[in-house]
Amino acid sequence: MKETFPLVKEKTEKLMKEMGLDETMDLTFEAPSKVATLPTFDKSKSRKLTPMLKARFEYASTIKYGQEIWLNPNQMALSMADDELSIYHTSLRDHWENSAPMRFKDKDLTLFGITDGCPEDRVYVVWKNEGKEPELWSYMGMEVLKFKNLEKFLKWNAGME
């Protein structure tokens, strides 16, 4: 991501300027955090880190990629309890056919990331298969992108897939 970010930044900022937006896109990493488990939407259940998720949190806790915020475990728990974000989670469960919240129980979902200022945009960790790397499902407005694992998600964000 660090290698491809300058090109992504340049293209994104050029596009934003063409749209009349005077914004910049930055990439920041907060210090790593020791993590053994991640919270889920079911407050009584947490999930053990898989190798990819362990490596992610050993690298950085919170990662800000433009407007995207990939949360640290404390931020995940706080965000999943946030009223505004909970409304969207419930709305997906009730109204979006085959959405992650409709298909999976709260114990199988973790909020991985959010978009600053856009509560309907979010990334879920979907714990489908015990012992395997979870999927990441990214919701952006009315679009959903599903990634087999964290590596595929990061490569897509870095413009490598």
N, C-alpha and C. Protein backbone atom coordinates (compact mmCIF):
# COMPACT_ATOMS: atom_id res chain seq x y z
N MET A 1 0.82 -1.19 0.00
CA MET A 1 0.00 0.00 0.00
C MET A 1 0.86 1.25 0.00
N LYS A 2 1.92 1.22 0.81
CA LYS A 2 2.79 2.39 0.86
C LYS A 2 3.41 2.66 -0.51
N GLU A 3 3.74 1.61 -1.23
CA GLU A 3 4.38 1.77 -2.54
C GLU A 3 3.43 2.34 -3.57
N THR A 4 2.20 1.88 -3.58
CA THR A 4 1.25 2.32 -4.61
C THR A 4 0.49 3.58 -4.23
N PHE A 5 0.55 3.97 -2.95
CA PHE A 5 -0.25 5.10 -2.48
C PHE A 5 0.03 6.40 -3.23
N PRO A 6 1.28 6.78 -3.51
CA PRO A 6 1.49 8.07 -4.20
C PRO A 6 0.73 8.17 -5.53
N LEU A 7 0.69 7.09 -6.30
CA LEU A 7 -0.03 7.11 -7.57
C LEU A 7 -1.54 7.17 -7.33
N VAL A 8 -2.04 6.38 -6.38
CA VAL A 8 -3.47 6.41 -6.04
C VAL A 8 -3.85 7.81 -5.55
N LYS A 9 -3.02 8.40 -4.70
CA LYS A 9 -3.26 9.74 -4.17
C LYS A 9 -3.35 10.75 -5.31
N GLU A 10 -2.39 10.71 -6.22
CA GLU A 10 -2.36 11.66 -7.34
C GLU A 10 -3.62 11.55 -8.19
N LYS A 11 -4.00 10.32 -8.56
CA LYS A 11 -5.19 10.11 -9.39
C LYS A 11 -6.46 10.55 -8.66
N THR A 12 -6.55 10.20 -7.38
CA THR A 12 -7.74 10.53 -6.61
C THR A 12 -7.88 12.03 -6.43
N GLU A 13 -6.79 12.69 -6.08
CA GLU A 13 -6.85 14.14 -5.87
C GLU A 13 -7.15 14.87 -7.17
N LYS A 14 -6.64 14.38 -8.29
CA LYS A 14 -6.94 14.98 -9.59
C LYS A 14 -8.43 14.86 -9.89
N LEU A 15 -8.99 13.68 -9.65
CA LEU A 15 -10.42 13.45 -9.87
C LEU A 15 -11.26 14.34 -8.95
N MET A 16 -10.86 14.45 -7.70
CA MET A 16 -11.60 15.30 -6.75
C MET A 16 -11.57 16.76 -7.19
N LYS A 17 -10.41 17.21 -7.67
CA LYS A 17 -10.28 18.59 -8.15
C LYS A 17 -11.21 18.83 -9.33
N GLU A 18 -11.28 17.86 -10.26
CA GLU A 18 -12.18 17.97 -11.41
C GLU A 18 -13.64 18.05 -10.97
N MET A 19 -13.95 17.46 -9.82
CA MET A 19 -15.31 17.48 -9.29
C MET A 19 -15.56 18.71 -8.43
N GLY A 20 -14.56 19.60 -8.34
CA GLY A 20 -14.71 20.82 -7.57
C GLY A 20 -14.43 20.66 -6.08
N LEU A 21 -13.81 19.56 -5.71
CA LEU A 21 -13.48 19.31 -4.30
C LEU A 21 -12.03 19.65 -4.04
N ASP A 22 -11.79 20.42 -3.03
CA ASP A 22 -10.43 20.79 -2.67
C ASP A 22 -10.00 19.96 -1.45
N GLU A 23 -9.83 18.67 -1.67
CA GLU A 23 -9.51 17.74 -0.60
C GLU A 23 -8.17 17.07 -0.89
N THR A 24 -7.54 16.58 0.16
CA THR A 24 -6.33 15.79 -0.02
C THR A 24 -6.59 14.38 0.49
N MET A 25 -5.81 13.47 0.00
CA MET A 25 -5.92 12.07 0.42
C MET A 25 -4.62 11.71 1.11
N ASP A 26 -4.73 11.24 2.33
CA ASP A 26 -3.53 10.88 3.09
C ASP A 26 -3.60 9.43 3.53
N LEU A 27 -2.45 8.90 3.87
CA LEU A 27 -2.32 7.54 4.41
C LEU A 27 -1.55 7.66 5.71
N THR A 28 -2.19 7.26 6.82
CA THR A 28 -1.52 7.33 8.12
C THR A 28 -1.69 6.00 8.86
N PHE A 29 -0.68 5.68 9.65
CA PHE A 29 -0.67 4.45 10.44
C PHE A 29 -0.43 4.82 11.89
N GLU A 30 -1.27 4.32 12.79
CA GLU A 30 -1.03 4.50 14.22
C GLU A 30 -0.26 3.31 14.75
N ALA A 31 0.42 3.50 15.86
CA ALA A 31 1.29 2.47 16.43
C ALA A 31 0.56 1.15 16.56
N PRO A 32 1.29 0.05 16.35
CA PRO A 32 0.68 -1.28 16.48
C PRO A 32 0.10 -1.48 17.88
N SER A 33 -0.82 -2.42 17.96
CA SER A 33 -1.39 -2.76 19.26
C SER A 33 -1.40 -4.27 19.43
N LYS A 34 -1.15 -4.71 20.65
CA LYS A 34 -1.22 -6.13 20.95
C LYS A 34 -2.68 -6.52 21.02
N VAL A 35 -3.05 -7.46 20.21
CA VAL A 35 -4.44 -7.89 20.12
C VAL A 35 -4.48 -9.40 20.03
N ALA A 36 -5.39 -10.01 20.78
CA ALA A 36 -5.58 -11.45 20.69
C ALA A 36 -6.93 -11.79 20.08
N THR A 37 -7.91 -10.90 20.30
CA THR A 37 -9.25 -11.14 19.77
C THR A 37 -9.85 -9.85 19.23
N LEU A 38 -10.88 -10.01 18.43
CA LEU A 38 -11.63 -8.87 17.92
C LEU A 38 -13.07 -8.97 18.40
N PRO A 39 -13.67 -7.82 18.72
CA PRO A 39 -15.08 -7.84 19.14
C PRO A 39 -15.98 -8.15 17.94
N THR A 40 -17.19 -8.58 18.25
CA THR A 40 -18.21 -8.77 17.21
C THR A 40 -19.42 -7.92 17.59
N PHE A 41 -20.40 -7.89 16.72
CA PHE A 41 -21.63 -7.17 17.03
C PHE A 41 -22.36 -7.81 18.21
N ASP A 42 -22.10 -9.07 18.48
CA ASP A 42 -22.62 -9.73 19.67
C ASP A 42 -21.63 -9.45 20.79
N LYS A 43 -22.00 -8.57 21.70
CA LYS A 43 -21.07 -8.11 22.74
C LYS A 43 -20.53 -9.23 23.62
N SER A 44 -21.20 -10.38 23.63
CA SER A 44 -20.75 -11.50 24.47
C SER A 44 -19.77 -12.42 23.74
N LYS A 45 -19.47 -12.12 22.46
CA LYS A 45 -18.63 -13.00 21.66
C LYS A 45 -17.50 -12.21 21.00
N SER A 46 -16.28 -12.73 21.12
CA SER A 46 -15.15 -12.16 20.38
C SER A 46 -14.54 -13.28 19.55
N ARG A 47 -13.69 -12.90 18.62
CA ARG A 47 -13.06 -13.87 17.71
C ARG A 47 -11.55 -13.79 17.81
N LYS A 48 -10.92 -14.97 17.82
CA LYS A 48 -9.46 -15.02 17.84
C LYS A 48 -8.92 -14.52 16.50
N LEU A 49 -7.78 -13.85 16.58
CA LEU A 49 -7.17 -13.35 15.36
C LEU A 49 -6.65 -14.49 14.50
N THR A 50 -6.85 -14.35 13.21
CA THR A 50 -6.25 -15.26 12.24
C THR A 50 -4.86 -14.72 11.90
N PRO A 51 -4.03 -15.49 11.22
CA PRO A 51 -2.69 -14.98 10.89
C PRO A 51 -2.67 -13.64 10.15
N MET A 52 -3.55 -13.45 9.18
CA MET A 52 -3.56 -12.19 8.44
C MET A 52 -3.99 -11.02 9.32
N LEU A 53 -5.00 -11.23 10.13
CA LEU A 53 -5.45 -10.15 11.02
C LEU A 53 -4.41 -9.87 12.10
N LYS A 54 -3.74 -10.89 12.57
CA LYS A 54 -2.67 -10.70 13.56
C LYS A 54 -1.57 -9.82 12.95
N ALA A 55 -1.18 -10.13 11.72
CA ALA A 55 -0.14 -9.34 11.04
C ALA A 55 -0.59 -7.90 10.84
N ARG A 56 -1.86 -7.70 10.52
CA ARG A 56 -2.38 -6.35 10.32
C ARG A 56 -2.24 -5.52 11.59
N PHE A 57 -2.61 -6.07 12.74
CA PHE A 57 -2.56 -5.30 13.99
C PHE A 57 -1.14 -5.20 14.56
N GLU A 58 -0.27 -6.12 14.18
CA GLU A 58 1.14 -6.00 14.56
C GLU A 58 1.81 -4.90 13.74
N TYR A 59 1.24 -4.58 12.59
CA TYR A 59 1.78 -3.54 11.73
C TYR A 59 1.29 -2.15 12.15
N ALA A 60 -0.01 -2.05 12.42
CA ALA A 60 -0.60 -0.76 12.81
C ALA A 60 -1.94 -1.01 13.48
N SER A 61 -2.30 -0.12 14.38
CA SER A 61 -3.62 -0.26 15.01
C SER A 61 -4.67 0.36 14.09
N THR A 62 -4.79 1.67 14.08
CA THR A 62 -5.72 2.35 13.17
C THR A 62 -4.97 2.74 11.90
N ILE A 63 -5.61 2.52 10.77
CA ILE A 63 -5.04 2.93 9.49
C ILE A 63 -6.06 3.86 8.83
N LYS A 64 -5.60 5.05 8.43
CA LYS A 64 -6.47 5.98 7.70
C LYS A 64 -5.96 6.04 6.27
N TYR A 65 -6.85 5.69 5.35
CA TYR A 65 -6.55 5.62 3.93
C TYR A 65 -7.55 6.54 3.24
N GLY A 66 -7.15 7.80 3.09
CA GLY A 66 -8.10 8.80 2.58
C GLY A 66 -9.19 8.99 3.60
N GLN A 67 -10.44 8.85 3.19
CA GLN A 67 -11.59 8.98 4.10
C GLN A 67 -11.88 7.67 4.85
N GLU A 68 -11.25 6.59 4.40
CA GLU A 68 -11.47 5.29 5.03
C GLU A 68 -10.69 5.20 6.33
N ILE A 69 -11.33 4.64 7.35
CA ILE A 69 -10.68 4.41 8.63
C ILE A 69 -10.81 2.94 8.96
N TRP A 70 -9.66 2.25 8.99
CA TRP A 70 -9.65 0.85 9.38
C TRP A 70 -9.36 0.83 10.86
N LEU A 71 -10.34 0.42 11.61
CA LEU A 71 -10.39 0.62 13.05
C LEU A 71 -9.48 -0.30 13.84
N ASN A 72 -9.05 0.20 15.02
CA ASN A 72 -8.37 -0.67 15.97
C ASN A 72 -9.47 -1.37 16.78
N PRO A 73 -9.15 -2.41 17.54
CA PRO A 73 -10.19 -3.17 18.25
C PRO A 73 -11.06 -2.33 19.19
N ASN A 74 -10.48 -1.36 19.89
CA ASN A 74 -11.29 -0.51 20.76
C ASN A 74 -12.27 0.33 19.95
N GLN A 75 -11.80 0.87 18.83
CA GLN A 75 -12.68 1.65 17.96
C GLN A 75 -13.78 0.77 17.36
N MET A 76 -13.43 -0.49 17.05
CA MET A 76 -14.44 -1.41 16.53
C MET A 76 -15.58 -1.56 17.53
N ALA A 77 -15.23 -1.84 18.78
CA ALA A 77 -16.25 -2.05 19.81
C ALA A 77 -17.10 -0.79 20.00
N LEU A 78 -16.45 0.37 20.06
CA LEU A 78 -17.19 1.63 20.23
C LEU A 78 -18.09 1.91 19.03
N SER A 79 -17.58 1.68 17.83
CA SER A 79 -18.37 1.94 16.62
C SER A 79 -19.55 1.00 16.51
N MET A 80 -19.36 -0.27 16.87
CA MET A 80 -20.47 -1.23 16.79
C MET A 80 -21.57 -0.89 17.79
N ALA A 81 -21.23 -0.16 18.86
CA ALA A 81 -22.21 0.25 19.86
C ALA A 81 -22.80 1.63 19.56
N ASP A 82 -22.23 2.36 18.59
CA ASP A 82 -22.68 3.70 18.23
C ASP A 82 -24.10 3.64 17.64
N ASP A 83 -24.98 4.51 18.13
CA ASP A 83 -26.38 4.50 17.69
C ASP A 83 -26.53 4.67 16.19
N GLU A 84 -25.84 5.66 15.62
CA GLU A 84 -25.99 5.93 14.18
C GLU A 84 -25.50 4.75 13.34
N LEU A 85 -24.36 4.19 13.71
CA LEU A 85 -23.84 3.04 12.96
C LEU A 85 -24.71 1.81 13.16
N SER A 86 -25.30 1.66 14.33
CA SER A 86 -26.20 0.53 14.61
C SER A 86 -27.47 0.60 13.76
N ILE A 87 -27.95 1.81 13.52
CA ILE A 87 -29.15 1.98 12.68
C ILE A 87 -28.89 1.41 11.29
N TYR A 88 -27.73 1.71 10.71
CA TYR A 88 -27.42 1.20 9.38
C TYR A 88 -27.23 -0.31 9.38
N HIS A 89 -26.63 -0.83 10.44
CA HIS A 89 -26.44 -2.28 10.57
C HIS A 89 -27.82 -2.97 10.60
N THR A 90 -28.73 -2.44 11.39
CA THR A 90 -30.08 -3.00 11.49
C THR A 90 -30.83 -2.85 10.17
N SER A 91 -30.65 -1.72 9.51
CA SER A 91 -31.31 -1.50 8.23
C SER A 91 -30.82 -2.51 7.18
N LEU A 92 -29.52 -2.77 7.16
CA LEU A 92 -29.01 -3.78 6.24
C LEU A 92 -29.64 -5.14 6.55
N ARG A 93 -29.72 -5.47 7.83
CA ARG A 93 -30.29 -6.76 8.26
C ARG A 93 -31.75 -6.88 7.82
N ASP A 94 -32.49 -5.80 7.94
CA ASP A 94 -33.93 -5.85 7.66
C ASP A 94 -34.29 -5.66 6.19
N HIS A 95 -33.44 -4.95 5.42
CA HIS A 95 -33.88 -4.53 4.10
C HIS A 95 -32.97 -4.88 2.92
N TRP A 96 -31.72 -5.25 3.16
CA TRP A 96 -30.81 -5.52 2.04
C TRP A 96 -30.65 -7.02 1.88
N GLU A 97 -31.33 -7.55 0.88
CA GLU A 97 -31.30 -8.99 0.62
C GLU A 97 -29.87 -9.50 0.47
N ASN A 98 -29.54 -10.52 1.21
CA ASN A 98 -28.22 -11.18 1.19
C ASN A 98 -27.08 -10.30 1.71
N SER A 99 -27.40 -9.25 2.43
CA SER A 99 -26.34 -8.45 3.05
C SER A 99 -25.69 -9.27 4.15
N ALA A 100 -24.50 -8.87 4.56
CA ALA A 100 -23.82 -9.60 5.64
C ALA A 100 -24.68 -9.66 6.90
N PRO A 101 -25.28 -8.54 7.35
CA PRO A 101 -26.11 -8.63 8.55
C PRO A 101 -27.36 -9.50 8.37
N MET A 102 -27.89 -9.60 7.12
CA MET A 102 -29.05 -10.45 6.90
C MET A 102 -28.65 -11.92 6.88
N ARG A 103 -27.50 -12.22 6.33
CA ARG A 103 -27.07 -13.62 6.17
C ARG A 103 -26.39 -14.20 7.40
N PHE A 104 -25.75 -13.36 8.22
CA PHE A 104 -24.94 -13.87 9.32
C PHE A 104 -25.40 -13.29 10.65
N LYS A 105 -25.18 -14.06 11.69
CA LYS A 105 -25.51 -13.61 13.05
C LYS A 105 -24.47 -12.59 13.50
N ASP A 106 -24.85 -11.80 14.49
CA ASP A 106 -23.95 -10.77 15.01
C ASP A 106 -22.64 -11.34 15.53
N LYS A 107 -22.63 -12.57 16.01
CA LYS A 107 -21.40 -13.19 16.50
C LYS A 107 -20.42 -13.49 15.37
N ASP A 108 -20.90 -13.41 14.14
CA ASP A 108 -20.08 -13.69 12.96
C ASP A 108 -19.69 -12.44 12.18
N LEU A 109 -19.92 -11.26 12.78
CA LEU A 109 -19.63 -10.00 12.10
C LEU A 109 -18.87 -9.04 13.01
N THR A 110 -17.84 -8.45 12.44
CA THR A 110 -17.07 -7.40 13.12
C THR A 110 -16.99 -6.21 12.17
N LEU A 111 -17.11 -5.01 12.72
CA LEU A 111 -16.96 -3.81 11.91
C LEU A 111 -15.48 -3.50 11.79
N PHE A 112 -14.94 -3.67 10.59
CA PHE A 112 -13.51 -3.48 10.32
C PHE A 112 -13.17 -2.03 10.00
N GLY A 113 -14.05 -1.40 9.21
CA GLY A 113 -13.74 -0.04 8.78
C GLY A 113 -14.98 0.77 8.49
N ILE A 114 -14.79 2.09 8.52
CA ILE A 114 -15.86 3.03 8.23
C ILE A 114 -15.30 4.12 7.32
N THR A 115 -16.20 4.89 6.75
CA THR A 115 -15.81 6.05 5.96
C THR A 115 -16.18 7.28 6.75
N ASP A 116 -15.20 8.15 6.97
CA ASP A 116 -15.43 9.37 7.74
C ASP A 116 -16.54 10.18 7.11
N GLY A 117 -17.57 10.49 7.90
CA GLY A 117 -18.68 11.32 7.43
C GLY A 117 -19.70 10.59 6.58
N CYS A 118 -19.59 9.27 6.49
CA CYS A 118 -20.50 8.50 5.64
C CYS A 118 -20.88 7.21 6.37
N PRO A 119 -21.80 7.27 7.34
CA PRO A 119 -22.08 6.11 8.18
C PRO A 119 -22.63 4.89 7.46
N GLU A 120 -23.17 5.09 6.25
CA GLU A 120 -23.67 3.92 5.52
C GLU A 120 -22.54 3.14 4.83
N ASP A 121 -21.37 3.73 4.71
CA ASP A 121 -20.22 3.03 4.14
C ASP A 121 -19.47 2.33 5.26
N ARG A 122 -19.21 1.05 5.06
CA ARG A 122 -18.55 0.27 6.11
C ARG A 122 -17.93 -0.98 5.53
N VAL A 123 -17.01 -1.56 6.28
CA VAL A 123 -16.40 -2.82 5.89
C VAL A 123 -16.60 -3.79 7.06
N TYR A 124 -17.19 -4.93 6.73
CA TYR A 124 -17.39 -5.98 7.72
C TYR A 124 -16.34 -7.07 7.59
N VAL A 125 -15.90 -7.59 8.71
CA VAL A 125 -15.20 -8.86 8.74
C VAL A 125 -16.30 -9.90 8.89
N VAL A 126 -16.34 -10.86 7.97
CA VAL A 126 -17.37 -11.90 7.99
C VAL A 126 -16.70 -13.22 8.35
N TRP A 127 -16.99 -13.68 9.56
CA TRP A 127 -16.38 -14.91 10.10
C TRP A 127 -17.21 -16.10 9.64
N LYS A 128 -17.04 -16.51 8.39
CA LYS A 128 -17.86 -17.58 7.81
C LYS A 128 -17.40 -18.97 8.24
N ASN A 129 -16.11 -19.20 8.22
CA ASN A 129 -15.58 -20.54 8.46
C ASN A 129 -14.59 -20.51 9.61
N GLU A 130 -14.95 -21.18 10.68
CA GLU A 130 -14.08 -21.25 11.86
C GLU A 130 -12.70 -21.77 11.46
N GLY A 131 -11.66 -21.06 11.91
CA GLY A 131 -10.30 -21.51 11.66
C GLY A 131 -9.71 -21.04 10.35
N LYS A 132 -10.50 -20.44 9.48
CA LYS A 132 -10.00 -19.92 8.21
C LYS A 132 -10.02 -18.40 8.24
N GLU A 133 -9.30 -17.80 7.31
CA GLU A 133 -9.30 -16.34 7.21
C GLU A 133 -10.72 -15.87 6.88
N PRO A 134 -11.18 -14.85 7.57
CA PRO A 134 -12.52 -14.33 7.28
C PRO A 134 -12.54 -13.52 5.99
N GLU A 135 -13.73 -13.35 5.46
CA GLU A 135 -13.93 -12.49 4.30
C GLU A 135 -14.10 -11.05 4.77
N LEU A 136 -13.90 -10.11 3.86
CA LEU A 136 -14.22 -8.71 4.12
C LEU A 136 -15.24 -8.28 3.08
N TRP A 137 -16.33 -7.68 3.56
CA TRP A 137 -17.39 -7.19 2.69
C TRP A 137 -17.45 -5.68 2.85
N SER A 138 -17.23 -4.97 1.76
CA SER A 138 -17.17 -3.51 1.78
C SER A 138 -18.44 -2.94 1.16
N TYR A 139 -19.16 -2.14 1.95
CA TYR A 139 -20.38 -1.48 1.51
C TYR A 139 -20.09 -0.01 1.24
N MET A 140 -20.39 0.42 0.02
CA MET A 140 -20.20 1.82 -0.39
C MET A 140 -21.49 2.25 -1.08
N GLY A 141 -22.31 2.99 -0.33
CA GLY A 141 -23.61 3.36 -0.89
C GLY A 141 -24.42 2.11 -1.17
N MET A 142 -24.81 1.92 -2.41
CA MET A 142 -25.63 0.77 -2.80
C MET A 142 -24.80 -0.35 -3.41
N GLU A 143 -23.48 -0.28 -3.28
CA GLU A 143 -22.60 -1.29 -3.85
C GLU A 143 -21.93 -2.08 -2.73
N VAL A 144 -21.74 -3.37 -2.98
CA VAL A 144 -21.00 -4.21 -2.03
C VAL A 144 -19.91 -4.95 -2.81
N LEU A 145 -18.73 -4.94 -2.25
CA LEU A 145 -17.62 -5.71 -2.80
C LEU A 145 -17.21 -6.74 -1.76
N LYS A 146 -17.05 -7.99 -2.20
CA LYS A 146 -16.70 -9.07 -1.28
C LYS A 146 -15.28 -9.55 -1.59
N PHE A 147 -14.49 -9.69 -0.53
CA PHE A 147 -13.10 -10.10 -0.67
C PHE A 147 -12.88 -11.39 0.11
N LYS A 148 -12.18 -12.31 -0.51
CA LYS A 148 -11.94 -13.64 0.07
C LYS A 148 -11.22 -13.56 1.41
N ASN A 149 -10.36 -12.54 1.56
CA ASN A 149 -9.60 -12.39 2.81
C ASN A 149 -8.99 -10.99 2.86
N LEU A 150 -8.29 -10.71 3.93
CA LEU A 150 -7.69 -9.39 4.12
C LEU A 150 -6.68 -9.06 3.03
N GLU A 151 -5.91 -10.02 2.61
CA GLU A 151 -4.91 -9.77 1.56
C GLU A 151 -5.58 -9.26 0.29
N LYS A 152 -6.67 -9.91 -0.13
CA LYS A 152 -7.38 -9.48 -1.35
C LYS A 152 -7.94 -8.06 -1.18
N PHE A 153 -8.47 -7.77 0.00
CA PHE A 153 -9.01 -6.45 0.29
C PHE A 153 -7.92 -5.39 0.20
N LEU A 154 -6.75 -5.66 0.81
CA LEU A 154 -5.66 -4.69 0.79
C LEU A 154 -5.11 -4.50 -0.62
N LYS A 155 -4.99 -5.57 -1.38
CA LYS A 155 -4.50 -5.45 -2.76
C LYS A 155 -5.47 -4.62 -3.60
N TRP A 156 -6.77 -4.82 -3.41
CA TRP A 156 -7.74 -4.02 -4.15
C TRP A 156 -7.59 -2.55 -3.78
N ASN A 157 -7.47 -2.25 -2.50
CA ASN A 157 -7.32 -0.86 -2.06
C ASN A 157 -6.04 -0.23 -2.58
N ALA A 158 -5.01 -1.04 -2.74
CA ALA A 158 -3.73 -0.53 -3.24
C ALA A 158 -3.70 -0.43 -4.76
N GLY A 159 -4.82 -0.80 -5.40
CA GLY A 159 -4.90 -0.74 -6.85
C GLY A 159 -4.16 -1.87 -7.53
N MET A 160 -3.93 -2.96 -6.82
CA MET A 160 -3.19 -4.08 -7.36
C MET A 160 -4.11 -5.20 -7.87
N GLU A 161 -5.41 -5.05 -7.69
CA GLU A 161 -6.39 -6.05 -8.19
C GLU A 161 -7.61 -5.35 -8.71
